[in-house]
């Protein structure tokens, strides 16, 4: 009988999360019947580290809000991706579970889901707009300036060659902190420091000299409750509605509760090719499982099957 292997899912208020189910489905799909996910909803990171991360069954961990920064001091090391993104969402042991010499390594795989979603949308867009140029793909925009925004910046800059990123966000101080943080983290690395520009009004969005091609939403789908939030919403709508020869671009909303967010609806109405946040979860599974279980296990996971399953879970078919 094979030893039990456990993937821990750490966060707060995580009962609705797709990760509660999708990793067990991935394990089942490749015959890893001795692997299972265990959700841990706690704020006590020291206790989690002592009891879970050092257990002989530990095979890996998914980390979600609000612990993507707080978990880092409990790890043996983090890789360059965590240093650049500023957040850890995945932990893996550096050798086989149960070994006395294993080390706990932190990384970030959110950017993989963002990159692969945008590449899929890119293929869909290009199929119907064959005259799109590479230069048109060097500009993007992101809604929000938090941790998910940083993963999106890494995907856009490091892997999609985007050099200018517009930020739509209700808080100007958050954007200034983002600009400073990204500049400091990327300085001295092989990753180009992107030009980050805060779009603060609908008028600014309408008057842009260039047209962003890639768009990523990173904020919850809440109705605006303040003047600043209303302005941010209207700025997004103005940007989405800009047209150059009726060519738009691709827009991914990382929020998946609900699956069809108000931003996705607005983007579709304006002619953008759109992608859902559930796909970000499913399209990083292969990379997560590569780190936990190795190349062979990862290769057996069907991304298409996991995309379909993640959408079913989001619709309540668990």
C-alpha atoms as a PDB file:
ATOM      1  CA  UNK A   1       0.000   0.000   0.000  1.00  0.00           C
ATOM      2  CA  UNK A   2       1.365   3.420  -0.943  1.00  0.00           C
ATOM      3  CA  UNK A   3       1.995   5.994   1.758  1.00  0.00           C
ATOM      4  CA  UNK A   4      -0.530   8.791   2.097  1.00  0.00           C
ATOM      5  CA  UNK A   5       0.459  12.111   0.524  1.00  0.00           C
ATOM      6  CA  UNK A   6      -1.303  15.328   1.532  1.00  0.00           C
ATOM      7  CA  UNK A   7      -1.467  18.673  -0.252  1.00  0.00           C
ATOM      8  CA  UNK A   8      -2.445  21.377   2.214  1.00  0.00           C
ATOM      9  CA  UNK A   9      -4.600  24.299   1.168  1.00  0.00           C
ATOM     10  CA  UNK A  10      -3.979  27.240   3.491  1.00  0.00           C
ATOM     11  CA  UNK A  11      -6.082  30.378   3.639  1.00  0.00           C
ATOM     12  CA  UNK A  12      -8.972  32.179   5.291  1.00  0.00           C
ATOM     13  CA  UNK A  13     -12.638  31.927   4.240  1.00  0.00           C
ATOM     14  CA  UNK A  14     -11.742  29.328   1.625  1.00  0.00           C
ATOM     15  CA  UNK A  15     -14.858  27.164   1.645  1.00  0.00           C
ATOM     16  CA  UNK A  16     -15.896  28.466  -1.811  1.00  0.00           C
ATOM     17  CA  UNK A  17     -12.483  27.997  -3.438  1.00  0.00           C
ATOM     18  CA  UNK A  18     -12.058  25.749  -6.466  1.00  0.00           C
ATOM     19  CA  UNK A  19      -8.816  24.398  -4.976  1.00  0.00           C
ATOM     20  CA  UNK A  20     -10.870  22.485  -2.405  1.00  0.00           C
ATOM     21  CA  UNK A  21     -11.879  20.083  -5.168  1.00  0.00           C
ATOM     22  CA  UNK A  22      -9.721  20.476  -8.263  1.00  0.00           C
ATOM     23  CA  UNK A  23      -6.532  18.969  -6.798  1.00  0.00           C
ATOM     24  CA  UNK A  24      -8.332  15.826  -5.676  1.00  0.00           C
ATOM     25  CA  UNK A  25      -9.792  15.604  -9.172  1.00  0.00           C
ATOM     26  CA  UNK A  26      -6.324  15.991 -10.676  1.00  0.00           C
ATOM     27  CA  UNK A  27      -4.965  13.229  -8.415  1.00  0.00           C
ATOM     28  CA  UNK A  28      -7.830  10.917  -9.328  1.00  0.00           C
ATOM     29  CA  UNK A  29      -7.437  11.597 -13.057  1.00  0.00           C
ATOM     30  CA  UNK A  30      -3.834  10.331 -13.044  1.00  0.00           C
ATOM     31  CA  UNK A  31      -4.350   7.432 -10.635  1.00  0.00           C
ATOM     32  CA  UNK A  32      -2.672   9.025  -7.614  1.00  0.00           C
ATOM     33  CA  UNK A  33      -5.225   7.573  -5.231  1.00  0.00           C
ATOM     34  CA  UNK A  34      -2.994   7.994  -2.197  1.00  0.00           C
ATOM     35  CA  UNK A  35      -2.846  11.770  -2.710  1.00  0.00           C
ATOM     36  CA  UNK A  36      -5.489  14.086  -1.276  1.00  0.00           C
ATOM     37  CA  UNK A  37      -5.981  17.737  -0.429  1.00  0.00           C
ATOM     38  CA  UNK A  38      -6.675  18.983   3.095  1.00  0.00           C
ATOM     39  CA  UNK A  39      -7.994  22.516   3.554  1.00  0.00           C
ATOM     40  CA  UNK A  40      -6.688  24.446   6.557  1.00  0.00           C
ATOM     41  CA  UNK A  41      -8.570  27.656   7.390  1.00  0.00           C
ATOM     42  CA  UNK A  42      -6.437  29.322  10.043  1.00  0.00           C
ATOM     43  CA  UNK A  43      -4.542  32.457  10.969  1.00  0.00           C
ATOM     44  CA  UNK A  44      -2.008  30.573  13.125  1.00  0.00           C
ATOM     45  CA  UNK A  45       0.869  30.167  10.676  1.00  0.00           C
ATOM     46  CA  UNK A  46       3.322  28.952  13.307  1.00  0.00           C
ATOM     47  CA  UNK A  47       1.038  26.092  14.277  1.00  0.00           C
ATOM     48  CA  UNK A  48       0.398  25.277  10.615  1.00  0.00           C
ATOM     49  CA  UNK A  49       4.127  25.202   9.962  1.00  0.00           C
ATOM     50  CA  UNK A  50       4.925  22.952  12.903  1.00  0.00           C
ATOM     51  CA  UNK A  51       2.061  20.484  12.469  1.00  0.00           C
ATOM     52  CA  UNK A  52       1.500  20.384   8.710  1.00  0.00           C
ATOM     53  CA  UNK A  53       4.590  21.441   6.804  1.00  0.00           C
ATOM     54  CA  UNK A  54       6.811  19.066   8.772  1.00  0.00           C
ATOM     55  CA  UNK A  55       4.441  16.093   8.751  1.00  0.00           C
ATOM     56  CA  UNK A  56       5.676  12.924   6.978  1.00  0.00           C
ATOM     57  CA  UNK A  57       2.613  13.023   4.685  1.00  0.00           C
ATOM     58  CA  UNK A  58       3.372  16.538   3.449  1.00  0.00           C
ATOM     59  CA  UNK A  59       3.726  16.612  -0.346  1.00  0.00           C
ATOM     60  CA  UNK A  60       3.023  20.266  -1.076  1.00  0.00           C
ATOM     61  CA  UNK A  61       0.836  23.230  -0.264  1.00  0.00           C
ATOM     62  CA  UNK A  62      -1.362  25.799  -1.954  1.00  0.00           C
ATOM     63  CA  UNK A  63      -1.295  29.175  -0.219  1.00  0.00           C
ATOM     64  CA  UNK A  64      -3.997  31.759  -0.738  1.00  0.00           C
ATOM     65  CA  UNK A  65      -5.040  35.035   0.829  1.00  0.00           C
ATOM     66  CA  UNK A  66      -4.178  36.413   3.279  1.00  0.00           C
ATOM     67  CA  UNK A  67      -1.062  34.269   3.814  1.00  0.00           C
ATOM     68  CA  UNK A  68       0.953  34.645   0.602  1.00  0.00           C
ATOM     69  CA  UNK A  69       3.432  36.896   2.393  1.00  0.00           C
ATOM     70  CA  UNK A  70       3.077  35.706   5.969  1.00  0.00           C
ATOM     71  CA  UNK A  71       4.051  32.115   5.170  1.00  0.00           C
ATOM     72  CA  UNK A  72       7.470  33.065   3.772  1.00  0.00           C
ATOM     73  CA  UNK A  73       9.374  33.258   7.118  1.00  0.00           C
ATOM     74  CA  UNK A  74       8.412  29.642   7.826  1.00  0.00           C
ATOM     75  CA  UNK A  75      10.116  28.325   4.672  1.00  0.00           C
ATOM     76  CA  UNK A  76      13.722  27.325   4.120  1.00  0.00           C
ATOM     77  CA  UNK A  77      13.973  29.373   0.951  1.00  0.00           C
ATOM     78  CA  UNK A  78      11.997  31.043  -1.818  1.00  0.00           C
ATOM     79  CA  UNK A  79      12.885  31.220  -5.484  1.00  0.00           C
ATOM     80  CA  UNK A  80      13.417  34.183  -7.789  1.00  0.00           C
ATOM     81  CA  UNK A  81       9.763  34.229  -8.793  1.00  0.00           C
ATOM     82  CA  UNK A  82       8.661  34.930  -5.218  1.00  0.00           C
ATOM     83  CA  UNK A  83      11.334  37.618  -4.975  1.00  0.00           C
ATOM     84  CA  UNK A  84       9.966  39.305  -8.119  1.00  0.00           C
ATOM     85  CA  UNK A  85       6.242  38.768  -7.532  1.00  0.00           C
ATOM     86  CA  UNK A  86       6.410  39.383  -3.791  1.00  0.00           C
ATOM     87  CA  UNK A  87       4.065  36.544  -2.901  1.00  0.00           C
ATOM     88  CA  UNK A  88       4.181  32.768  -2.390  1.00  0.00           C
ATOM     89  CA  UNK A  89       1.251  30.583  -3.415  1.00  0.00           C
ATOM     90  CA  UNK A  90       2.984  27.208  -3.638  1.00  0.00           C
ATOM     91  CA  UNK A  91       5.257  25.222  -1.322  1.00  0.00           C
ATOM     92  CA  UNK A  92       7.070  22.042  -2.275  1.00  0.00           C
ATOM     93  CA  UNK A  93       9.675  19.811  -0.598  1.00  0.00           C
ATOM     94  CA  UNK A  94      13.068  19.721  -2.256  1.00  0.00           C
ATOM     95  CA  UNK A  95      13.252  15.921  -1.945  1.00  0.00           C
ATOM     96  CA  UNK A  96      10.981  12.972  -1.224  1.00  0.00           C
ATOM     97  CA  UNK A  97       8.438  13.348   1.614  1.00  0.00           C
ATOM     98  CA  UNK A  98       9.700  11.786   4.836  1.00  0.00           C
ATOM     99  CA  UNK A  99      13.375  12.551   4.172  1.00  0.00           C
ATOM    100  CA  UNK A 100      15.181  14.191   7.060  1.00  0.00           C
ATOM    101  CA  UNK A 101      17.089  16.368   4.617  1.00  0.00           C
ATOM    102  CA  UNK A 102      14.154  17.854   2.757  1.00  0.00           C
ATOM    103  CA  UNK A 103      13.775  21.618   2.576  1.00  0.00           C
ATOM    104  CA  UNK A 104      10.625  23.661   2.127  1.00  0.00           C
ATOM    105  CA  UNK A 105      10.764  25.786  -1.018  1.00  0.00           C
ATOM    106  CA  UNK A 106       8.338  28.589  -1.816  1.00  0.00           C
ATOM    107  CA  UNK A 107       7.395  29.669  -5.323  1.00  0.00           C
ATOM    108  CA  UNK A 108       4.527  31.314  -7.184  1.00  0.00           C
ATOM    109  CA  UNK A 109       2.490  29.667  -9.941  1.00  0.00           C
ATOM    110  CA  UNK A 110      -0.336  32.208 -10.296  1.00  0.00           C
ATOM    111  CA  UNK A 111       1.559  33.827 -13.160  1.00  0.00           C
ATOM    112  CA  UNK A 112       1.527  30.525 -15.079  1.00  0.00           C
ATOM    113  CA  UNK A 113      -2.264  30.521 -15.075  1.00  0.00           C
ATOM    114  CA  UNK A 114      -2.353  34.157 -16.163  1.00  0.00           C
ATOM    115  CA  UNK A 115       0.190  33.615 -18.945  1.00  0.00           C
ATOM    116  CA  UNK A 116      -1.460  30.485 -20.329  1.00  0.00           C
ATOM    117  CA  UNK A 117      -4.930  32.032 -20.232  1.00  0.00           C
ATOM    118  CA  UNK A 118      -3.710  35.094 -22.124  1.00  0.00           C
ATOM    119  CA  UNK A 119      -1.889  32.950 -24.678  1.00  0.00           C
ATOM    120  CA  UNK A 120      -5.069  30.974 -25.338  1.00  0.00           C
ATOM    121  CA  UNK A 121      -7.054  34.187 -25.724  1.00  0.00           C
ATOM    122  CA  UNK A 122      -4.316  35.548 -27.961  1.00  0.00           C
ATOM    123  CA  UNK A 123      -4.672  32.565 -30.282  1.00  0.00           C
ATOM    124  CA  UNK A 124      -8.429  33.119 -30.410  1.00  0.00           C
ATOM    125  CA  UNK A 125      -8.008  36.814 -31.140  1.00  0.00           C
ATOM    126  CA  UNK A 126      -5.363  36.357 -33.832  1.00  0.00           C
ATOM    127  CA  UNK A 127      -7.496  33.708 -35.554  1.00  0.00           C
ATOM    128  CA  UNK A 128     -10.098  36.374 -36.274  1.00  0.00           C
ATOM    129  CA  UNK A 129      -7.739  39.379 -36.559  1.00  0.00           C
ATOM    130  CA  UNK A 130      -4.810  38.186 -38.652  1.00  0.00           C
ATOM    131  CA  UNK A 131      -3.405  41.697 -39.121  1.00  0.00           C
ATOM    132  CA  UNK A 132      -2.565  42.300 -35.444  1.00  0.00           C
ATOM    133  CA  UNK A 133       1.103  43.250 -35.027  1.00  0.00           C
ATOM    134  CA  UNK A 134       3.652  42.339 -32.372  1.00  0.00           C
ATOM    135  CA  UNK A 135       4.053  45.991 -31.385  1.00  0.00           C
ATOM    136  CA  UNK A 136       0.360  46.165 -30.506  1.00  0.00           C
ATOM    137  CA  UNK A 137       0.957  43.452 -27.907  1.00  0.00           C
ATOM    138  CA  UNK A 138       3.574  45.389 -25.953  1.00  0.00           C
ATOM    139  CA  UNK A 139       1.037  47.378 -23.936  1.00  0.00           C
ATOM    140  CA  UNK A 140      -1.366  46.059 -21.317  1.00  0.00           C
ATOM    141  CA  UNK A 141      -3.544  47.139 -18.431  1.00  0.00           C
ATOM    142  CA  UNK A 142      -4.404  45.719 -15.033  1.00  0.00           C
ATOM    143  CA  UNK A 143      -7.356  46.478 -12.779  1.00  0.00           C
ATOM    144  CA  UNK A 144      -6.143  46.575  -9.166  1.00  0.00           C
ATOM    145  CA  UNK A 145      -2.752  47.029  -7.514  1.00  0.00           C
ATOM    146  CA  UNK A 146      -2.555  44.202  -4.956  1.00  0.00           C
ATOM    147  CA  UNK A 147      -0.808  40.834  -4.860  1.00  0.00           C
ATOM    148  CA  UNK A 148      -2.601  39.356  -7.866  1.00  0.00           C
ATOM    149  CA  UNK A 149      -1.600  42.429  -9.858  1.00  0.00           C
ATOM    150  CA  UNK A 150       2.057  41.622  -9.215  1.00  0.00           C
ATOM    151  CA  UNK A 151       1.648  38.093 -10.571  1.00  0.00           C
ATOM    152  CA  UNK A 152      -0.025  39.554 -13.660  1.00  0.00           C
ATOM    153  CA  UNK A 153       2.819  42.056 -14.116  1.00  0.00           C
ATOM    154  CA  UNK A 154       5.350  39.207 -13.979  1.00  0.00           C
ATOM    155  CA  UNK A 155       3.436  37.194 -16.592  1.00  0.00           C
ATOM    156  CA  UNK A 156       3.015  40.186 -18.889  1.00  0.00           C
ATOM    157  CA  UNK A 157       6.552  41.501 -18.565  1.00  0.00           C
ATOM    158  CA  UNK A 158       8.674  38.359 -18.279  1.00  0.00           C
ATOM    159  CA  UNK A 159       6.765  36.073 -20.624  1.00  0.00           C
ATOM    160  CA  UNK A 160       4.660  38.217 -22.985  1.00  0.00           C
ATOM    161  CA  UNK A 161       7.166  41.031 -23.643  1.00  0.00           C
ATOM    162  CA  UNK A 162       4.830  43.781 -22.445  1.00  0.00           C
ATOM    163  CA  UNK A 163       6.806  46.950 -21.726  1.00  0.00           C
ATOM    164  CA  UNK A 164       4.061  49.386 -20.685  1.00  0.00           C
ATOM    165  CA  UNK A 165       1.269  48.606 -18.216  1.00  0.00           C
ATOM    166  CA  UNK A 166      -1.596  50.900 -17.296  1.00  0.00           C
ATOM    167  CA  UNK A 167      -3.070  50.436 -13.815  1.00  0.00           C
ATOM    168  CA  UNK A 168      -6.691  51.194 -12.986  1.00  0.00           C
ATOM    169  CA  UNK A 169      -7.066  51.425  -9.219  1.00  0.00           C
ATOM    170  CA  UNK A 170      -9.090  53.452  -6.740  1.00  0.00           C
ATOM    171  CA  UNK A 171      -6.108  54.319  -4.503  1.00  0.00           C
ATOM    172  CA  UNK A 172      -3.255  56.409  -5.933  1.00  0.00           C
ATOM    173  CA  UNK A 173      -0.956  55.576  -3.009  1.00  0.00           C
ATOM    174  CA  UNK A 174      -1.292  51.857  -3.769  1.00  0.00           C
ATOM    175  CA  UNK A 175      -0.205  52.467  -7.339  1.00  0.00           C
ATOM    176  CA  UNK A 176       2.780  54.559  -6.240  1.00  0.00           C
ATOM    177  CA  UNK A 177       3.804  51.774  -3.855  1.00  0.00           C
ATOM    178  CA  UNK A 178       3.403  49.277  -6.692  1.00  0.00           C
ATOM    179  CA  UNK A 179       5.610  51.331  -9.001  1.00  0.00           C
ATOM    180  CA  UNK A 180       8.317  51.628  -6.343  1.00  0.00           C
ATOM    181  CA  UNK A 181       8.113  47.968  -5.374  1.00  0.00           C
ATOM    182  CA  UNK A 182       8.292  46.621  -8.925  1.00  0.00           C
ATOM    183  CA  UNK A 183      11.211  48.886  -9.778  1.00  0.00           C
ATOM    184  CA  UNK A 184      13.116  47.725  -6.691  1.00  0.00           C
ATOM    185  CA  UNK A 185      12.351  44.019  -7.187  1.00  0.00           C
ATOM    186  CA  UNK A 186      13.189  43.952 -10.907  1.00  0.00           C
ATOM    187  CA  UNK A 187      16.307  46.106 -10.639  1.00  0.00           C
ATOM    188  CA  UNK A 188      19.430  44.102 -11.382  1.00  0.00           C
ATOM    189  CA  UNK A 189      17.517  41.112 -12.763  1.00  0.00           C
ATOM    190  CA  UNK A 190      17.077  39.883 -16.316  1.00  0.00           C
ATOM    191  CA  UNK A 191      13.431  40.997 -16.264  1.00  0.00           C
ATOM    192  CA  UNK A 192      12.800  44.367 -17.893  1.00  0.00           C
ATOM    193  CA  UNK A 193      11.289  46.931 -15.549  1.00  0.00           C
ATOM    194  CA  UNK A 194       7.942  47.841 -17.121  1.00  0.00           C
ATOM    195  CA  UNK A 195       6.652  51.371 -17.427  1.00  0.00           C
ATOM    196  CA  UNK A 196       3.713  51.502 -15.003  1.00  0.00           C
ATOM    197  CA  UNK A 197       1.200  54.295 -15.493  1.00  0.00           C
ATOM    198  CA  UNK A 198      -1.813  55.033 -13.309  1.00  0.00           C
ATOM    199  CA  UNK A 199      -5.003  55.731 -15.261  1.00  0.00           C
ATOM    200  CA  UNK A 200      -7.079  57.798 -12.852  1.00  0.00           C
ATOM    201  CA  UNK A 201     -10.012  59.077 -14.913  1.00  0.00           C
ATOM    202  CA  UNK A 202     -12.179  58.059 -17.877  1.00  0.00           C
ATOM    203  CA  UNK A 203     -10.865  61.101 -19.723  1.00  0.00           C
ATOM    204  CA  UNK A 204      -7.292  59.835 -19.411  1.00  0.00           C
ATOM    205  CA  UNK A 205      -8.362  56.425 -20.692  1.00  0.00           C
ATOM    206  CA  UNK A 206     -10.059  57.911 -23.728  1.00  0.00           C
ATOM    207  CA  UNK A 207      -7.079  60.114 -24.612  1.00  0.00           C
ATOM    208  CA  UNK A 208      -4.349  57.448 -24.572  1.00  0.00           C
ATOM    209  CA  UNK A 209      -1.977  57.591 -27.485  1.00  0.00           C
ATOM    210  CA  UNK A 210      -1.650  53.801 -27.608  1.00  0.00           C
ATOM    211  CA  UNK A 211      -4.133  50.956 -27.215  1.00  0.00           C
ATOM    212  CA  UNK A 212      -3.524  48.271 -24.584  1.00  0.00           C
ATOM    213  CA  UNK A 213      -3.861  44.778 -26.023  1.00  0.00           C
ATOM    214  CA  UNK A 214      -3.654  42.591 -22.905  1.00  0.00           C
ATOM    215  CA  UNK A 215      -5.985  43.287 -19.979  1.00  0.00           C
ATOM    216  CA  UNK A 216      -6.181  41.552 -16.593  1.00  0.00           C
ATOM    217  CA  UNK A 217      -8.699  42.115 -13.800  1.00  0.00           C
ATOM    218  CA  UNK A 218      -7.488  41.319 -10.275  1.00  0.00           C
ATOM    219  CA  UNK A 219     -10.185  42.716  -7.957  1.00  0.00           C
ATOM    220  CA  UNK A 220     -13.393  41.223  -6.493  1.00  0.00           C
ATOM    221  CA  UNK A 221     -16.629  41.800  -8.397  1.00  0.00           C
ATOM    222  CA  UNK A 222     -18.260  44.248  -5.996  1.00  0.00           C
ATOM    223  CA  UNK A 223     -20.523  47.113  -6.941  1.00  0.00           C
ATOM    224  CA  UNK A 224     -18.803  50.495  -6.397  1.00  0.00           C
ATOM    225  CA  UNK A 225     -19.452  51.873  -2.902  1.00  0.00           C
ATOM    226  CA  UNK A 226     -17.376  55.074  -3.034  1.00  0.00           C
ATOM    227  CA  UNK A 227     -16.689  57.856  -5.513  1.00  0.00           C
ATOM    228  CA  UNK A 228     -13.165  56.491  -6.050  1.00  0.00           C
ATOM    229  CA  UNK A 229     -14.505  53.032  -6.863  1.00  0.00           C
ATOM    230  CA  UNK A 230     -17.065  54.497  -9.262  1.00  0.00           C
ATOM    231  CA  UNK A 231     -14.341  56.454 -11.032  1.00  0.00           C
ATOM    232  CA  UNK A 232     -12.202  53.314 -11.342  1.00  0.00           C
ATOM    233  CA  UNK A 233     -15.144  51.397 -12.835  1.00  0.00           C
ATOM    234  CA  UNK A 234     -15.880  54.188 -15.302  1.00  0.00           C
ATOM    235  CA  UNK A 235     -12.193  54.402 -16.242  1.00  0.00           C
ATOM    236  CA  UNK A 236     -12.187  50.698 -17.078  1.00  0.00           C
ATOM    237  CA  UNK A 237     -15.327  51.060 -19.187  1.00  0.00           C
ATOM    238  CA  UNK A 238     -13.807  54.008 -21.055  1.00  0.00           C
ATOM    239  CA  UNK A 239     -10.634  52.034 -21.759  1.00  0.00           C
ATOM    240  CA  UNK A 240     -12.540  48.976 -22.939  1.00  0.00           C
ATOM    241  CA  UNK A 241     -14.641  51.105 -25.268  1.00  0.00           C
ATOM    242  CA  UNK A 242     -11.685  52.682 -27.062  1.00  0.00           C
ATOM    243  CA  UNK A 243     -11.212  51.385 -30.571  1.00  0.00           C
ATOM    244  CA  UNK A 244      -8.504  51.550 -33.207  1.00  0.00           C
ATOM    245  CA  UNK A 245      -9.928  50.287 -36.505  1.00  0.00           C
ATOM    246  CA  UNK A 246     -12.376  48.304 -34.347  1.00  0.00           C
ATOM    247  CA  UNK A 247      -9.571  46.053 -33.090  1.00  0.00           C
ATOM    248  CA  UNK A 248      -9.691  45.442 -29.352  1.00  0.00           C
ATOM    249  CA  UNK A 249      -7.616  42.869 -27.500  1.00  0.00           C
ATOM    250  CA  UNK A 250      -7.897  40.156 -24.868  1.00  0.00           C
ATOM    251  CA  UNK A 251      -9.188  40.562 -21.313  1.00  0.00           C
ATOM    252  CA  UNK A 252      -8.862  38.059 -18.470  1.00  0.00           C
ATOM    253  CA  UNK A 253     -10.624  38.551 -15.136  1.00  0.00           C
ATOM    254  CA  UNK A 254      -8.918  36.585 -12.356  1.00  0.00           C
ATOM    255  CA  UNK A 255     -12.036  36.896 -10.186  1.00  0.00           C
ATOM    256  CA  UNK A 256     -14.259  33.816 -10.561  1.00  0.00           C
ATOM    257  CA  UNK A 257     -17.026  34.522  -8.073  1.00  0.00           C
ATOM    258  CA  UNK A 258     -19.230  34.944 -10.042  1.00  0.00           C
ATOM    259  CA  UNK A 259     -17.856  33.280 -13.167  1.00  0.00           C
ATOM    260  CA  UNK A 260     -19.190  36.089 -15.347  1.00  0.00           C
ATOM    261  CA  UNK A 261     -18.142  39.290 -13.643  1.00  0.00           C
ATOM    262  CA  UNK A 262     -19.408  42.751 -14.530  1.00  0.00           C
ATOM    263  CA  UNK A 263     -15.990  43.531 -16.031  1.00  0.00           C
ATOM    264  CA  UNK A 264     -16.162  40.470 -18.289  1.00  0.00           C
ATOM    265  CA  UNK A 265     -19.615  41.467 -19.494  1.00  0.00           C
ATOM    266  CA  UNK A 266     -18.422  44.997 -20.224  1.00  0.00           C
ATOM    267  CA  UNK A 267     -15.391  43.705 -22.128  1.00  0.00           C
ATOM    268  CA  UNK A 268     -17.496  41.352 -24.242  1.00  0.00           C
ATOM    269  CA  UNK A 269     -19.965  44.118 -25.034  1.00  0.00           C
ATOM    270  CA  UNK A 270     -17.045  46.221 -26.255  1.00  0.00           C
ATOM    271  CA  UNK A 271     -15.743  43.458 -28.521  1.00  0.00           C
ATOM    272  CA  UNK A 272     -12.842  42.063 -26.460  1.00  0.00           C
ATOM    273  CA  UNK A 273     -11.951  38.368 -26.412  1.00  0.00           C
ATOM    274  CA  UNK A 274     -12.451  37.390 -22.767  1.00  0.00           C
ATOM    275  CA  UNK A 275     -11.268  34.692 -20.354  1.00  0.00           C
ATOM    276  CA  UNK A 276     -12.547  33.533 -16.978  1.00  0.00           C
ATOM    277  CA  UNK A 277     -10.734  33.416 -13.658  1.00  0.00           C
ATOM    278  CA  UNK A 278     -11.540  29.728 -13.166  1.00  0.00           C
ATOM    279  CA  UNK A 279      -9.130  28.972 -15.983  1.00  0.00           C
ATOM    280  CA  UNK A 280      -6.273  30.623 -14.088  1.00  0.00           C
ATOM    281  CA  UNK A 281      -6.722  27.998 -11.367  1.00  0.00           C
ATOM    282  CA  UNK A 282      -6.849  25.034 -13.746  1.00  0.00           C
ATOM    283  CA  UNK A 283      -4.045  26.105 -16.090  1.00  0.00           C
ATOM    284  CA  UNK A 284      -1.455  26.275 -13.324  1.00  0.00           C
ATOM    285  CA  UNK A 285      -2.204  22.739 -12.110  1.00  0.00           C
ATOM    286  CA  UNK A 286       0.426  21.063 -14.282  1.00  0.00           C
ATOM    287  CA  UNK A 287       3.164  23.308 -12.935  1.00  0.00           C
ATOM    288  CA  UNK A 288       2.020  22.832  -9.340  1.00  0.00           C
ATOM    289  CA  UNK A 289       1.974  19.057  -9.694  1.00  0.00           C
ATOM    290  CA  UNK A 290       5.335  19.062 -11.444  1.00  0.00           C
ATOM    291  CA  UNK A 291       6.819  20.602  -8.318  1.00  0.00           C
ATOM    292  CA  UNK A 292       5.001  18.246  -5.950  1.00  0.00           C
ATOM    293  CA  UNK A 293       5.017  14.926  -7.784  1.00  0.00           C
ATOM    294  CA  UNK A 294       7.444  15.268 -10.696  1.00  0.00           C
ATOM    295  CA  UNK A 295       7.420  15.527 -14.480  1.00  0.00           C
ATOM    296  CA  UNK A 296       5.682  12.199 -15.091  1.00  0.00           C
ATOM    297  CA  UNK A 297       2.676  13.055 -12.941  1.00  0.00           C
ATOM    298  CA  UNK A 298       2.431  16.535 -14.426  1.00  0.00           C
ATOM    299  CA  UNK A 299       2.524  15.205 -17.982  1.00  0.00           C
ATOM    300  CA  UNK A 300      -0.478  12.952 -17.297  1.00  0.00           C
ATOM    301  CA  UNK A 301      -2.733  15.816 -16.220  1.00  0.00           C
ATOM    302  CA  UNK A 302      -5.075  16.983 -18.978  1.00  0.00           C
ATOM    303  CA  UNK A 303      -5.367  20.763 -18.975  1.00  0.00           C
ATOM    304  CA  UNK A 304      -8.560  20.606 -21.024  1.00  0.00           C
ATOM    305  CA  UNK A 305     -10.154  18.193 -18.557  1.00  0.00           C
ATOM    306  CA  UNK A 306      -9.139  20.396 -15.625  1.00  0.00           C
ATOM    307  CA  UNK A 307     -10.506  23.525 -17.305  1.00  0.00           C
ATOM    308  CA  UNK A 308     -13.872  21.826 -17.788  1.00  0.00           C
ATOM    309  CA  UNK A 309     -13.838  20.500 -14.242  1.00  0.00           C
ATOM    310  CA  UNK A 310     -12.946  23.879 -12.717  1.00  0.00           C
ATOM    311  CA  UNK A 311     -15.895  25.458 -14.519  1.00  0.00           C
ATOM    312  CA  UNK A 312     -18.203  22.740 -13.241  1.00  0.00           C
ATOM    313  CA  UNK A 313     -16.987  23.323  -9.680  1.00  0.00           C
ATOM    314  CA  UNK A 314     -17.527  27.061 -10.031  1.00  0.00           C
ATOM    315  CA  UNK A 315     -21.093  26.319 -11.154  1.00  0.00           C
ATOM    316  CA  UNK A 316     -21.702  24.236  -8.035  1.00  0.00           C
ATOM    317  CA  UNK A 317     -21.278  20.772  -9.617  1.00  0.00           C
ATOM    318  CA  UNK A 318     -18.824  19.417  -7.072  1.00  0.00           C
END
